[in-house]
């Protein structure tokens, strides 16, 4: 089908751009123009990747691709929201809306992980991660202590998703390829955000 082929090309192009520009945003100094501009391009390209994945999974029914598309969409939109220079009440409200909209995809992923006579580990892990991030945002009523940590975690998670997709297309290593980037990347994101928070705290206290 021509439409599916065009969507596939768009998906691959946007994913490739996200992979390249996301690396630039990651290594750039946080808060500077290069980081901000590269981050914007990354968010747009990953949003296109997620939407095209969802569309492809509908045209050619694929529950797994559908779940991953929604998972990626949540990471990108949530990560973008927590970095926006808008009023706290708006940011919390937008994050809650995205989180509530993600509950059904999370339940869908968990259902497919457990309903076919065997456990689909990949769907179970990603569905569980999605649910664990969406629930706090859904019930949050005030600004978190470190919004930048949420931003980095969600955007970093989206980059891990792009990198994982690249590996799965080119390497047939099963669970190692699907889950390896998450188990390696998540601790790195955590350490990076801790370091950023520590530097920010020192700067606010006048410590050089």
N, C-alpha and C. Protein backbone atom coordinates (compact mmCIF):
# COMPACT_ATOMS: atom_id res chain seq x y z
N UNK A 1 0.84 -1.20 0.00
CA UNK A 1 0.00 0.00 0.00
C UNK A 1 0.88 1.25 0.00
N UNK A 2 0.59 2.18 -0.95
CA UNK A 2 1.42 3.36 -1.12
C UNK A 2 1.46 4.22 0.15
N UNK A 3 0.31 4.41 0.80
CA UNK A 3 0.26 5.24 2.00
C UNK A 3 1.17 4.70 3.09
N UNK A 4 1.13 3.38 3.30
CA UNK A 4 1.96 2.76 4.32
C UNK A 4 3.44 2.94 3.97
N UNK A 5 3.78 2.83 2.69
CA UNK A 5 5.18 2.98 2.28
C UNK A 5 5.67 4.40 2.54
N UNK A 6 4.83 5.38 2.23
CA UNK A 6 5.20 6.79 2.47
C UNK A 6 5.37 7.03 3.97
N UNK A 7 4.44 6.51 4.76
CA UNK A 7 4.54 6.66 6.21
C UNK A 7 5.81 6.02 6.75
N UNK A 8 6.18 4.87 6.19
CA UNK A 8 7.39 4.19 6.62
C UNK A 8 8.62 5.05 6.34
N UNK A 9 8.67 5.66 5.16
CA UNK A 9 9.79 6.54 4.80
C UNK A 9 9.86 7.74 5.76
N UNK A 10 8.69 8.32 6.05
CA UNK A 10 8.64 9.45 6.98
C UNK A 10 9.12 9.02 8.36
N UNK A 11 8.67 7.85 8.79
CA UNK A 11 9.05 7.30 10.09
C UNK A 11 10.56 7.11 10.20
N UNK A 12 11.14 6.53 9.18
CA UNK A 12 12.59 6.28 9.17
C UNK A 12 13.37 7.58 9.14
N UNK A 13 12.94 8.53 8.30
CA UNK A 13 13.64 9.81 8.19
C UNK A 13 13.59 10.59 9.50
N UNK A 14 12.40 10.65 10.10
CA UNK A 14 12.24 11.39 11.35
C UNK A 14 13.02 10.72 12.48
N UNK A 15 13.00 9.39 12.52
CA UNK A 15 13.74 8.67 13.54
C UNK A 15 15.24 8.85 13.40
N UNK A 16 15.73 8.86 12.17
CA UNK A 16 17.16 9.06 11.92
C UNK A 16 17.60 10.46 12.35
N UNK A 17 16.76 11.46 12.02
CA UNK A 17 17.06 12.83 12.43
C UNK A 17 17.08 12.95 13.95
N UNK A 18 16.10 12.32 14.60
CA UNK A 18 16.04 12.37 16.07
C UNK A 18 17.27 11.74 16.69
N UNK A 19 17.74 10.65 16.11
CA UNK A 19 18.91 9.96 16.64
C UNK A 19 20.15 10.86 16.57
N UNK A 20 20.30 11.57 15.46
CA UNK A 20 21.47 12.43 15.28
C UNK A 20 21.37 13.71 16.12
N UNK A 21 20.24 14.40 16.02
CA UNK A 21 20.10 15.68 16.71
C UNK A 21 19.95 15.50 18.22
N UNK A 22 19.41 14.35 18.63
CA UNK A 22 19.28 14.08 20.06
C UNK A 22 20.63 13.93 20.72
N UNK A 23 21.59 13.32 20.02
CA UNK A 23 22.95 13.19 20.56
C UNK A 23 23.58 14.56 20.74
N UNK A 24 23.33 15.47 19.79
CA UNK A 24 23.86 16.83 19.89
C UNK A 24 23.26 17.56 21.09
N UNK A 25 21.96 17.42 21.28
CA UNK A 25 21.30 18.06 22.42
C UNK A 25 21.82 17.51 23.74
N UNK A 26 22.14 16.21 23.76
CA UNK A 26 22.61 15.57 24.99
C UNK A 26 23.99 16.06 25.42
N UNK A 27 24.87 16.28 24.45
CA UNK A 27 26.24 16.67 24.79
C UNK A 27 26.39 18.18 24.94
N UNK A 28 25.44 18.95 24.40
CA UNK A 28 25.52 20.41 24.51
C UNK A 28 25.28 20.84 25.95
N UNK A 29 25.87 21.96 26.33
CA UNK A 29 25.68 22.48 27.68
C UNK A 29 24.21 22.82 27.88
N UNK A 30 23.67 22.35 28.99
CA UNK A 30 22.24 22.52 29.23
C UNK A 30 21.86 23.99 29.41
N UNK A 31 20.80 24.37 28.74
CA UNK A 31 20.29 25.73 28.85
C UNK A 31 20.81 26.70 27.82
N UNK A 32 21.88 26.34 27.09
CA UNK A 32 22.41 27.24 26.07
C UNK A 32 21.60 27.10 24.80
N UNK A 33 21.83 28.04 23.84
CA UNK A 33 21.02 28.08 22.63
C UNK A 33 21.11 26.78 21.83
N UNK A 34 22.31 26.20 21.73
CA UNK A 34 22.48 24.97 20.96
C UNK A 34 21.64 23.84 21.54
N UNK A 35 21.64 23.70 22.86
CA UNK A 35 20.85 22.65 23.51
C UNK A 35 19.36 22.87 23.28
N UNK A 36 18.92 24.12 23.39
CA UNK A 36 17.50 24.42 23.23
C UNK A 36 17.03 24.17 21.80
N UNK A 37 17.82 24.64 20.82
CA UNK A 37 17.42 24.48 19.42
C UNK A 37 17.46 23.01 19.01
N UNK A 38 18.52 22.31 19.39
CA UNK A 38 18.61 20.88 19.07
C UNK A 38 17.49 20.11 19.75
N UNK A 39 17.15 20.52 20.98
CA UNK A 39 16.07 19.86 21.70
C UNK A 39 14.73 20.03 21.02
N UNK A 40 14.49 21.22 20.48
CA UNK A 40 13.22 21.47 19.78
C UNK A 40 13.11 20.59 18.53
N UNK A 41 14.21 20.51 17.78
CA UNK A 41 14.21 19.67 16.58
C UNK A 41 14.00 18.21 16.96
N UNK A 42 14.62 17.79 18.08
CA UNK A 42 14.47 16.41 18.54
C UNK A 42 13.01 16.12 18.90
N UNK A 43 12.38 17.03 19.61
CA UNK A 43 10.99 16.83 20.03
C UNK A 43 10.07 16.70 18.81
N UNK A 44 10.25 17.59 17.84
CA UNK A 44 9.40 17.55 16.64
C UNK A 44 9.63 16.26 15.86
N UNK A 45 10.89 15.88 15.67
CA UNK A 45 11.18 14.67 14.90
C UNK A 45 10.68 13.42 15.61
N UNK A 46 10.78 13.38 16.94
CA UNK A 46 10.29 12.22 17.68
C UNK A 46 8.76 12.19 17.69
N UNK A 47 8.13 13.36 17.70
CA UNK A 47 6.66 13.41 17.62
C UNK A 47 6.20 12.84 16.28
N UNK A 48 6.89 13.20 15.21
CA UNK A 48 6.56 12.66 13.89
C UNK A 48 6.79 11.15 13.86
N UNK A 49 7.86 10.71 14.49
CA UNK A 49 8.15 9.28 14.56
C UNK A 49 7.04 8.54 15.28
N UNK A 50 6.58 9.08 16.41
CA UNK A 50 5.53 8.44 17.19
C UNK A 50 4.20 8.39 16.42
N UNK A 51 3.82 9.53 15.82
CA UNK A 51 2.55 9.60 15.08
C UNK A 51 2.57 8.65 13.89
N UNK A 52 3.68 8.61 13.17
CA UNK A 52 3.79 7.73 12.00
C UNK A 52 3.76 6.26 12.42
N UNK A 53 4.35 5.95 13.59
CA UNK A 53 4.31 4.58 14.09
C UNK A 53 2.87 4.16 14.41
N UNK A 54 2.13 5.06 15.04
CA UNK A 54 0.73 4.77 15.37
C UNK A 54 -0.09 4.58 14.10
N UNK A 55 0.12 5.45 13.12
CA UNK A 55 -0.61 5.35 11.85
C UNK A 55 -0.28 4.05 11.13
N UNK A 56 1.00 3.69 11.10
CA UNK A 56 1.41 2.44 10.45
C UNK A 56 0.80 1.23 11.14
N UNK A 57 0.72 1.27 12.46
CA UNK A 57 0.19 0.13 13.22
C UNK A 57 -1.31 -0.02 13.02
N UNK A 58 -1.97 1.06 12.61
CA UNK A 58 -3.41 0.99 12.32
C UNK A 58 -3.64 0.47 10.90
N UNK A 59 -2.84 0.97 9.96
CA UNK A 59 -2.97 0.52 8.57
C UNK A 59 -2.60 -0.96 8.45
N UNK A 60 -1.52 -1.33 9.09
CA UNK A 60 -1.08 -2.72 9.13
C UNK A 60 -1.09 -3.15 10.58
N UNK A 61 -2.22 -3.66 11.08
CA UNK A 61 -2.40 -3.92 12.51
C UNK A 61 -1.19 -4.57 13.18
N UNK A 62 -0.67 -3.85 14.17
CA UNK A 62 0.52 -4.31 14.89
C UNK A 62 0.43 -3.78 16.31
N UNK A 63 -0.11 -4.58 17.25
CA UNK A 63 -0.29 -4.12 18.62
C UNK A 63 1.00 -3.63 19.27
N UNK A 64 2.10 -4.29 18.97
CA UNK A 64 3.37 -3.91 19.57
C UNK A 64 3.80 -2.51 19.11
N UNK A 65 3.77 -2.27 17.80
CA UNK A 65 4.16 -0.97 17.26
C UNK A 65 3.22 0.13 17.76
N UNK A 66 1.94 -0.19 17.90
CA UNK A 66 0.97 0.77 18.41
C UNK A 66 1.32 1.19 19.84
N UNK A 67 1.62 0.20 20.68
CA UNK A 67 1.98 0.50 22.06
C UNK A 67 3.25 1.33 22.16
N UNK A 68 4.26 0.97 21.37
CA UNK A 68 5.53 1.71 21.40
C UNK A 68 5.34 3.13 20.87
N UNK A 69 4.46 3.29 19.88
CA UNK A 69 4.18 4.63 19.36
C UNK A 69 3.59 5.54 20.43
N UNK A 70 2.60 5.04 21.17
CA UNK A 70 2.01 5.82 22.25
C UNK A 70 3.02 6.06 23.38
N UNK A 71 3.83 5.06 23.67
CA UNK A 71 4.85 5.17 24.71
C UNK A 71 5.82 6.31 24.37
N UNK A 72 6.30 6.33 23.13
CA UNK A 72 7.21 7.37 22.68
C UNK A 72 6.54 8.74 22.69
N UNK A 73 5.29 8.78 22.26
CA UNK A 73 4.55 10.04 22.27
C UNK A 73 4.41 10.62 23.66
N UNK A 74 4.17 9.76 24.64
CA UNK A 74 4.07 10.23 26.02
C UNK A 74 5.39 10.81 26.50
N UNK A 75 6.49 10.10 26.25
CA UNK A 75 7.80 10.55 26.71
C UNK A 75 8.13 11.93 26.14
N UNK A 76 7.90 12.11 24.85
CA UNK A 76 8.24 13.37 24.19
C UNK A 76 7.36 14.51 24.69
N UNK A 77 6.05 14.30 24.73
CA UNK A 77 5.14 15.38 25.13
C UNK A 77 5.32 15.74 26.60
N UNK A 78 5.47 14.74 27.45
CA UNK A 78 5.67 15.01 28.87
C UNK A 78 7.00 15.71 29.12
N UNK A 79 8.06 15.21 28.48
CA UNK A 79 9.36 15.84 28.64
C UNK A 79 9.37 17.29 28.18
N UNK A 80 8.67 17.57 27.09
CA UNK A 80 8.58 18.93 26.56
C UNK A 80 7.82 19.83 27.54
N UNK A 81 6.73 19.33 28.10
CA UNK A 81 5.92 20.13 29.03
C UNK A 81 6.73 20.57 30.24
N UNK A 82 7.52 19.65 30.81
CA UNK A 82 8.23 19.98 32.05
C UNK A 82 9.39 20.94 31.85
N UNK A 83 9.71 21.27 30.61
CA UNK A 83 10.77 22.25 30.34
C UNK A 83 10.21 23.59 29.88
N UNK A 84 8.87 23.70 29.75
CA UNK A 84 8.28 24.93 29.23
C UNK A 84 8.30 26.04 30.27
N UNK A 85 8.68 27.26 29.85
CA UNK A 85 8.67 28.41 30.76
C UNK A 85 7.27 29.01 30.86
N UNK A 86 6.36 28.24 31.41
CA UNK A 86 4.98 28.69 31.57
C UNK A 86 4.60 28.61 33.04
N UNK A 87 3.44 29.12 33.37
CA UNK A 87 3.00 29.11 34.77
C UNK A 87 2.92 27.67 35.30
N UNK A 88 3.23 27.53 36.57
CA UNK A 88 3.26 26.21 37.19
C UNK A 88 1.92 25.50 37.04
N UNK A 89 0.83 26.21 37.28
CA UNK A 89 -0.49 25.60 37.21
C UNK A 89 -0.77 25.04 35.81
N UNK A 90 -0.35 25.78 34.78
CA UNK A 90 -0.53 25.30 33.42
C UNK A 90 0.30 24.05 33.15
N UNK A 91 1.54 24.09 33.59
CA UNK A 91 2.43 22.96 33.35
C UNK A 91 1.90 21.69 34.02
N UNK A 92 1.46 21.82 35.25
CA UNK A 92 0.91 20.67 35.97
C UNK A 92 -0.36 20.17 35.28
N UNK A 93 -1.19 21.10 34.82
CA UNK A 93 -2.44 20.71 34.16
C UNK A 93 -2.18 20.00 32.83
N UNK A 94 -1.26 20.51 32.05
CA UNK A 94 -0.92 19.87 30.78
C UNK A 94 -0.33 18.49 31.00
N UNK A 95 0.55 18.39 32.00
CA UNK A 95 1.17 17.10 32.30
C UNK A 95 0.13 16.09 32.75
N UNK A 96 -0.87 16.56 33.51
CA UNK A 96 -1.94 15.66 33.97
C UNK A 96 -2.77 15.17 32.79
N UNK A 97 -3.07 16.06 31.86
CA UNK A 97 -3.86 15.67 30.68
C UNK A 97 -3.13 14.60 29.86
N UNK A 98 -1.84 14.81 29.62
CA UNK A 98 -1.05 13.83 28.86
C UNK A 98 -0.97 12.50 29.60
N UNK A 99 -0.82 12.57 30.92
CA UNK A 99 -0.73 11.35 31.72
C UNK A 99 -2.03 10.56 31.67
N UNK A 100 -3.16 11.25 31.83
CA UNK A 100 -4.45 10.57 31.79
C UNK A 100 -4.70 9.95 30.42
N UNK A 101 -4.29 10.66 29.37
CA UNK A 101 -4.46 10.14 28.01
C UNK A 101 -3.59 8.92 27.77
N UNK A 102 -2.53 8.75 28.58
CA UNK A 102 -1.60 7.64 28.41
C UNK A 102 -2.00 6.40 29.20
N UNK A 103 -3.00 6.53 30.07
CA UNK A 103 -3.41 5.38 30.88
C UNK A 103 -3.94 4.23 30.02
N UNK A 104 -4.76 4.55 29.03
CA UNK A 104 -5.32 3.51 28.16
C UNK A 104 -4.22 2.80 27.37
N UNK A 105 -3.27 3.52 26.73
CA UNK A 105 -2.18 2.82 26.06
C UNK A 105 -1.36 1.94 26.99
N UNK A 106 -1.13 2.40 28.23
CA UNK A 106 -0.38 1.60 29.19
C UNK A 106 -1.13 0.31 29.52
N UNK A 107 -2.45 0.44 29.75
CA UNK A 107 -3.26 -0.75 30.03
C UNK A 107 -3.28 -1.68 28.83
N UNK A 108 -3.34 -1.11 27.64
CA UNK A 108 -3.32 -1.88 26.39
C UNK A 108 -2.03 -2.69 26.27
N UNK A 109 -0.90 -2.06 26.58
CA UNK A 109 0.39 -2.75 26.50
C UNK A 109 0.48 -3.87 27.52
N UNK A 110 0.01 -3.62 28.74
CA UNK A 110 0.05 -4.65 29.77
C UNK A 110 -0.89 -5.81 29.44
N UNK A 111 -2.04 -5.48 28.86
CA UNK A 111 -2.98 -6.53 28.45
C UNK A 111 -2.34 -7.46 27.42
N UNK A 112 -1.73 -6.87 26.39
CA UNK A 112 -1.10 -7.69 25.36
C UNK A 112 0.14 -8.42 25.88
N UNK A 113 0.73 -7.89 26.91
CA UNK A 113 1.90 -8.56 27.49
C UNK A 113 1.52 -9.85 28.22
N UNK A 114 0.27 -9.92 28.68
CA UNK A 114 -0.12 -11.03 29.56
C UNK A 114 -1.26 -11.89 29.02
N UNK A 115 -1.81 -11.57 27.84
CA UNK A 115 -3.06 -12.22 27.43
C UNK A 115 -2.93 -13.24 26.32
N UNK A 116 -1.74 -13.67 25.99
CA UNK A 116 -1.59 -14.60 24.87
C UNK A 116 -1.00 -15.95 25.28
N UNK A 117 -1.15 -16.30 26.54
CA UNK A 117 -0.65 -17.58 27.01
C UNK A 117 0.82 -17.57 27.37
N UNK A 118 1.46 -16.44 27.17
CA UNK A 118 2.86 -16.28 27.57
C UNK A 118 3.09 -14.82 27.90
N UNK A 119 4.17 -14.54 28.59
CA UNK A 119 4.47 -13.16 28.99
C UNK A 119 5.38 -12.51 27.96
N UNK A 120 4.91 -11.42 27.38
CA UNK A 120 5.74 -10.63 26.47
C UNK A 120 6.54 -9.65 27.32
N UNK A 121 7.79 -9.99 27.59
CA UNK A 121 8.61 -9.21 28.50
C UNK A 121 8.77 -7.77 28.04
N UNK A 122 8.96 -7.57 26.75
CA UNK A 122 9.19 -6.23 26.23
C UNK A 122 7.98 -5.34 26.47
N UNK A 123 6.80 -5.83 26.10
CA UNK A 123 5.57 -5.06 26.32
C UNK A 123 5.31 -4.84 27.81
N UNK A 124 5.63 -5.85 28.61
CA UNK A 124 5.42 -5.73 30.05
C UNK A 124 6.31 -4.64 30.65
N UNK A 125 7.57 -4.62 30.26
CA UNK A 125 8.50 -3.62 30.79
C UNK A 125 8.11 -2.22 30.35
N UNK A 126 7.88 -2.03 29.05
CA UNK A 126 7.56 -0.70 28.56
C UNK A 126 6.19 -0.22 29.05
N UNK A 127 5.23 -1.13 29.13
CA UNK A 127 3.93 -0.76 29.66
C UNK A 127 4.02 -0.38 31.13
N UNK A 128 4.83 -1.12 31.88
CA UNK A 128 5.03 -0.81 33.29
C UNK A 128 5.73 0.52 33.49
N UNK A 129 6.73 0.81 32.66
CA UNK A 129 7.42 2.09 32.75
C UNK A 129 6.47 3.24 32.45
N UNK A 130 5.67 3.08 31.40
CA UNK A 130 4.71 4.12 31.04
C UNK A 130 3.75 4.39 32.18
N UNK A 131 3.22 3.34 32.77
CA UNK A 131 2.27 3.50 33.88
C UNK A 131 2.93 4.14 35.09
N UNK A 132 4.17 3.76 35.39
CA UNK A 132 4.87 4.29 36.56
C UNK A 132 5.18 5.78 36.42
N UNK A 133 5.31 6.27 35.19
CA UNK A 133 5.55 7.70 34.98
C UNK A 133 4.25 8.48 34.88
N UNK A 134 3.22 7.87 34.29
CA UNK A 134 1.97 8.58 34.08
C UNK A 134 1.19 8.78 35.37
N UNK A 135 1.20 7.79 36.25
CA UNK A 135 0.40 7.90 37.49
C UNK A 135 0.80 9.09 38.34
N UNK A 136 2.11 9.32 38.63
CA UNK A 136 2.46 10.51 39.43
C UNK A 136 2.03 11.81 38.78
N UNK A 137 2.16 11.91 37.45
CA UNK A 137 1.73 13.14 36.77
C UNK A 137 0.21 13.30 36.83
N UNK A 138 -0.50 12.20 36.80
CA UNK A 138 -1.96 12.26 36.81
C UNK A 138 -2.51 12.76 38.15
N UNK A 139 -1.80 12.49 39.23
CA UNK A 139 -2.29 12.89 40.56
C UNK A 139 -1.56 14.11 41.11
N UNK A 140 -0.58 14.61 40.38
CA UNK A 140 0.21 15.75 40.86
C UNK A 140 -0.64 17.00 40.93
N UNK A 141 -0.50 17.76 42.00
CA UNK A 141 -1.26 18.99 42.17
C UNK A 141 -0.38 20.22 42.28
N UNK A 142 0.93 20.05 42.38
CA UNK A 142 1.83 21.19 42.45
C UNK A 142 3.12 20.87 41.71
N UNK A 143 3.91 21.91 41.48
CA UNK A 143 5.15 21.74 40.74
C UNK A 143 6.09 20.78 41.47
N UNK A 144 6.71 19.84 40.76
CA UNK A 144 7.66 18.94 41.43
C UNK A 144 8.89 19.69 41.90
N UNK A 145 9.63 19.10 42.81
CA UNK A 145 10.84 19.73 43.34
C UNK A 145 11.84 20.02 42.22
N UNK A 146 11.96 19.09 41.27
CA UNK A 146 12.92 19.25 40.18
C UNK A 146 12.25 18.95 38.83
N UNK A 147 11.57 19.95 38.25
CA UNK A 147 10.95 19.73 36.94
C UNK A 147 11.97 19.32 35.88
N UNK A 148 13.20 19.85 36.00
CA UNK A 148 14.22 19.54 35.01
C UNK A 148 14.59 18.06 35.04
N UNK A 149 14.45 17.44 36.20
CA UNK A 149 14.73 16.00 36.29
C UNK A 149 13.67 15.21 35.51
N UNK A 150 12.43 15.64 35.61
CA UNK A 150 11.37 14.99 34.85
C UNK A 150 11.58 15.22 33.35
N UNK A 151 11.95 16.45 33.00
CA UNK A 151 12.23 16.77 31.59
C UNK A 151 13.34 15.87 31.05
N UNK A 152 14.44 15.79 31.77
CA UNK A 152 15.58 15.00 31.30
C UNK A 152 15.24 13.51 31.25
N UNK A 153 14.49 13.04 32.23
CA UNK A 153 14.13 11.63 32.25
C UNK A 153 13.24 11.23 31.09
N UNK A 154 12.25 12.08 30.79
CA UNK A 154 11.30 11.75 29.71
C UNK A 154 11.96 11.92 28.33
N UNK A 155 12.68 13.04 28.14
CA UNK A 155 13.34 13.26 26.85
C UNK A 155 14.46 12.25 26.66
N UNK A 156 15.19 11.97 27.73
CA UNK A 156 16.23 10.95 27.64
C UNK A 156 15.64 9.59 27.31
N UNK A 157 14.47 9.30 27.89
CA UNK A 157 13.79 8.05 27.59
C UNK A 157 13.38 7.97 26.14
N UNK A 158 12.95 9.11 25.57
CA UNK A 158 12.58 9.14 24.15
C UNK A 158 13.79 8.86 23.27
N UNK A 159 14.95 9.39 23.68
CA UNK A 159 16.16 9.12 22.89
C UNK A 159 16.54 7.65 22.99
N UNK A 160 16.38 7.07 24.17
CA UNK A 160 16.63 5.64 24.33
C UNK A 160 15.72 4.84 23.40
N UNK A 161 14.46 5.28 23.28
CA UNK A 161 13.52 4.60 22.39
C UNK A 161 14.00 4.66 20.94
N UNK A 162 14.50 5.84 20.52
CA UNK A 162 15.01 5.98 19.15
C UNK A 162 16.24 5.10 18.93
N UNK A 163 17.12 5.07 19.91
CA UNK A 163 18.33 4.26 19.81
C UNK A 163 17.99 2.77 19.80
N UNK A 164 17.01 2.40 20.61
CA UNK A 164 16.57 1.00 20.65
C UNK A 164 16.00 0.57 19.31
N UNK A 165 15.19 1.45 18.70
CA UNK A 165 14.62 1.15 17.39
C UNK A 165 15.72 0.94 16.36
N UNK A 166 16.74 1.79 16.42
CA UNK A 166 17.87 1.66 15.48
C UNK A 166 18.56 0.31 15.65
N UNK A 167 18.77 -0.10 16.90
CA UNK A 167 19.45 -1.38 17.14
C UNK A 167 18.61 -2.57 16.70
N UNK A 168 17.30 -2.51 16.98
CA UNK A 168 16.46 -3.65 16.64
C UNK A 168 16.35 -3.87 15.13
N UNK A 169 16.44 -2.77 14.37
CA UNK A 169 16.38 -2.89 12.91
C UNK A 169 17.67 -3.52 12.36
N UNK A 170 18.79 -3.24 13.03
CA UNK A 170 20.08 -3.66 12.49
C UNK A 170 20.71 -4.86 13.18
N UNK A 171 20.22 -5.21 14.37
CA UNK A 171 20.81 -6.33 15.10
C UNK A 171 19.71 -7.28 15.58
N UNK A 172 19.93 -8.56 15.46
CA UNK A 172 18.95 -9.57 15.89
C UNK A 172 19.44 -10.22 17.19
N UNK A 173 19.47 -9.44 18.25
CA UNK A 173 19.97 -9.93 19.53
C UNK A 173 18.86 -10.10 20.58
N UNK A 174 17.62 -10.13 20.14
CA UNK A 174 16.51 -10.41 21.05
C UNK A 174 16.37 -9.39 22.16
N UNK A 175 16.15 -9.90 23.38
CA UNK A 175 15.88 -9.05 24.53
C UNK A 175 17.04 -8.10 24.84
N UNK A 176 18.27 -8.52 24.54
CA UNK A 176 19.42 -7.67 24.81
C UNK A 176 19.32 -6.34 24.07
N UNK A 177 18.88 -6.40 22.82
CA UNK A 177 18.73 -5.19 22.02
C UNK A 177 17.54 -4.36 22.48
N UNK A 178 16.44 -5.02 22.81
CA UNK A 178 15.22 -4.31 23.20
C UNK A 178 15.34 -3.64 24.57
N UNK A 179 15.95 -4.33 25.52
CA UNK A 179 15.96 -3.82 26.90
C UNK A 179 17.31 -3.28 27.34
N UNK A 180 18.38 -3.66 26.64
CA UNK A 180 19.72 -3.21 27.01
C UNK A 180 19.87 -1.71 27.09
N UNK A 181 19.45 -0.96 26.04
CA UNK A 181 19.58 0.50 26.09
C UNK A 181 18.85 1.13 27.27
N UNK A 182 17.71 0.57 27.64
CA UNK A 182 16.96 1.12 28.78
C UNK A 182 17.71 0.89 30.09
N UNK A 183 18.22 -0.32 30.29
CA UNK A 183 18.90 -0.63 31.55
C UNK A 183 20.26 0.07 31.66
N UNK A 184 20.85 0.43 30.53
CA UNK A 184 22.11 1.18 30.56
C UNK A 184 21.82 2.68 30.60
N UNK A 185 20.87 3.14 29.78
CA UNK A 185 20.61 4.57 29.67
C UNK A 185 19.92 5.18 30.87
N UNK A 186 18.99 4.45 31.50
CA UNK A 186 18.24 5.01 32.63
C UNK A 186 19.15 5.43 33.78
N UNK A 187 20.12 4.58 34.23
CA UNK A 187 21.03 5.02 35.30
C UNK A 187 21.88 6.22 34.89
N UNK A 188 22.27 6.29 33.62
CA UNK A 188 23.07 7.42 33.15
C UNK A 188 22.28 8.71 33.21
N UNK A 189 21.00 8.64 32.82
CA UNK A 189 20.14 9.82 32.90
C UNK A 189 19.97 10.26 34.36
N UNK A 190 19.78 9.28 35.23
CA UNK A 190 19.61 9.57 36.66
C UNK A 190 20.84 10.28 37.22
N UNK A 191 22.03 9.77 36.90
CA UNK A 191 23.26 10.38 37.41
C UNK A 191 23.47 11.78 36.84
N UNK A 192 23.14 11.95 35.56
CA UNK A 192 23.31 13.26 34.93
C UNK A 192 22.39 14.31 35.56
N UNK A 193 21.15 13.92 35.84
CA UNK A 193 20.22 14.87 36.45
C UNK A 193 20.60 15.18 37.89
N UNK A 194 21.14 14.20 38.60
CA UNK A 194 21.61 14.44 39.96
C UNK A 194 22.75 15.47 39.95
N UNK A 195 23.67 15.31 38.99
CA UNK A 195 24.79 16.24 38.87
C UNK A 195 24.30 17.64 38.52
N UNK A 196 23.32 17.72 37.62
CA UNK A 196 22.77 19.02 37.23
C UNK A 196 22.10 19.69 38.42
N UNK A 197 21.32 18.92 39.18
CA UNK A 197 20.64 19.48 40.35
C UNK A 197 21.65 19.98 41.38
N UNK A 198 22.74 19.22 41.56
CA UNK A 198 23.77 19.61 42.53
C UNK A 198 24.44 20.91 42.10
N UNK A 199 24.76 21.05 40.80
CA UNK A 199 25.38 22.28 40.30
C UNK A 199 24.43 23.47 40.45
N UNK A 200 23.17 23.23 40.15
CA UNK A 200 22.18 24.31 40.26
C UNK A 200 22.02 24.76 41.72
N UNK A 201 22.05 23.81 42.64
CA UNK A 201 21.92 24.13 44.06
C UNK A 201 23.11 24.93 44.53
N UNK A 202 24.32 24.52 44.09
CA UNK A 202 25.53 25.26 44.48
C UNK A 202 25.49 26.68 43.92
N UNK A 203 25.02 26.81 42.67
CA UNK A 203 24.96 28.14 42.05
C UNK A 203 23.98 29.04 42.80
N UNK A 204 22.84 28.47 43.21
CA UNK A 204 21.83 29.27 43.93
C UNK A 204 22.31 29.67 45.32
N UNK A 205 23.25 28.87 45.87
CA UNK A 205 23.81 29.19 47.20
C UNK A 205 25.07 30.04 47.10
N UNK A 206 25.45 30.40 45.86
CA UNK A 206 26.62 31.23 45.69
C UNK A 206 27.92 30.48 45.80
N UNK A 207 27.89 29.14 45.63
CA UNK A 207 29.10 28.34 45.73
C UNK A 207 29.69 28.16 44.35
N UNK A 208 30.97 28.42 44.17
CA UNK A 208 31.63 28.29 42.89
C UNK A 208 32.30 26.93 42.78
